[in-house]
Amino acid sequence: MGNHLFQLARDFTEQATQQKDQHSIEKAKNAISSAYANSTEAEKVQLREFQENIDNLS
């Protein structure tokens, strides 16, 4: 099944990079934050990349 919170973070980050609106960016930030605690090391690396992408948008 995988890490549901990680999947949400990935999806919201993708959505935010396409839409570039503040609401989407905030949703992505929250999803990344929620996913981090329960993620594997490999997922954490990707979550940090997602966060960098979001930081570059805002």
Protein backbone atom coordinates (compact mmCIF):
# COMPACT_ATOMS: atom_id res chain seq x y z
CA MET A 1 0.00 0.00 0.00
CA GLY A 2 2.81 2.43 0.75
CA ASN A 3 2.92 5.53 2.87
CA HIS A 4 -0.37 7.35 2.29
CA LEU A 5 0.89 10.63 3.75
CA PHE A 6 3.94 10.50 1.49
CA GLN A 7 1.70 9.95 -1.53
CA LEU A 8 -0.43 12.94 -0.53
CA ALA A 9 2.68 15.09 -0.13
CA ARG A 10 3.88 14.08 -3.59
CA ASP A 11 0.47 14.78 -5.14
CA PHE A 12 0.02 18.14 -3.42
CA THR A 13 3.56 19.19 -4.36
CA GLU A 14 2.89 18.35 -7.99
CA GLN A 15 -0.38 20.28 -7.86
CA ALA A 16 1.31 23.30 -6.27
CA THR A 17 4.08 23.40 -8.87
CA GLN A 18 1.45 23.42 -11.61
CA GLN A 19 -1.00 25.89 -10.07
CA LYS A 20 1.48 28.09 -8.17
CA ASP A 21 -1.25 29.59 -5.98
CA GLN A 22 -0.88 30.19 -2.24
CA HIS A 23 -3.61 27.72 -1.25
CA SER A 24 -1.94 24.86 -3.14
CA ILE A 25 1.46 25.78 -1.74
CA GLU A 26 0.11 25.72 1.84
CA LYS A 27 -1.56 22.34 1.27
CA ALA A 28 1.73 20.94 -0.02
CA LYS A 29 3.71 22.34 2.93
CA ASN A 30 1.26 20.80 5.40
CA ALA A 31 1.30 17.44 3.62
CA ILE A 32 5.11 17.37 3.57
CA SER A 33 5.26 18.19 7.26
CA SER A 34 2.70 15.50 8.14
CA ALA A 35 4.43 12.85 6.06
CA TYR A 36 7.94 13.42 7.41
CA ALA A 37 7.60 11.74 10.82
CA ASN A 38 6.39 8.40 9.47
CA SER A 39 8.64 8.16 6.43
CA THR A 40 11.58 5.97 5.55
CA GLU A 41 14.98 7.57 4.97
CA ALA A 42 14.48 7.33 1.20
CA GLU A 43 11.09 9.03 1.48
CA LYS A 44 12.62 11.75 3.68
CA VAL A 45 15.15 12.51 0.95
CA GLN A 46 12.32 12.94 -1.52
CA LEU A 47 10.27 15.00 0.94
CA ARG A 48 13.22 17.38 1.32
CA GLU A 49 13.29 17.71 -2.48
CA PHE A 50 9.54 18.40 -2.47
CA GLN A 51 10.11 21.08 0.19
CA GLU A 52 12.85 22.71 -1.90
CA ASN A 53 10.49 22.82 -4.88
CA ILE A 54 7.80 24.45 -2.75
CA ASP A 55 10.26 26.92 -1.24
CA ASN A 56 11.23 28.02 -4.73
CA LEU A 57 7.58 28.79 -5.50
CA SER A 58 6.94 30.99 -2.50
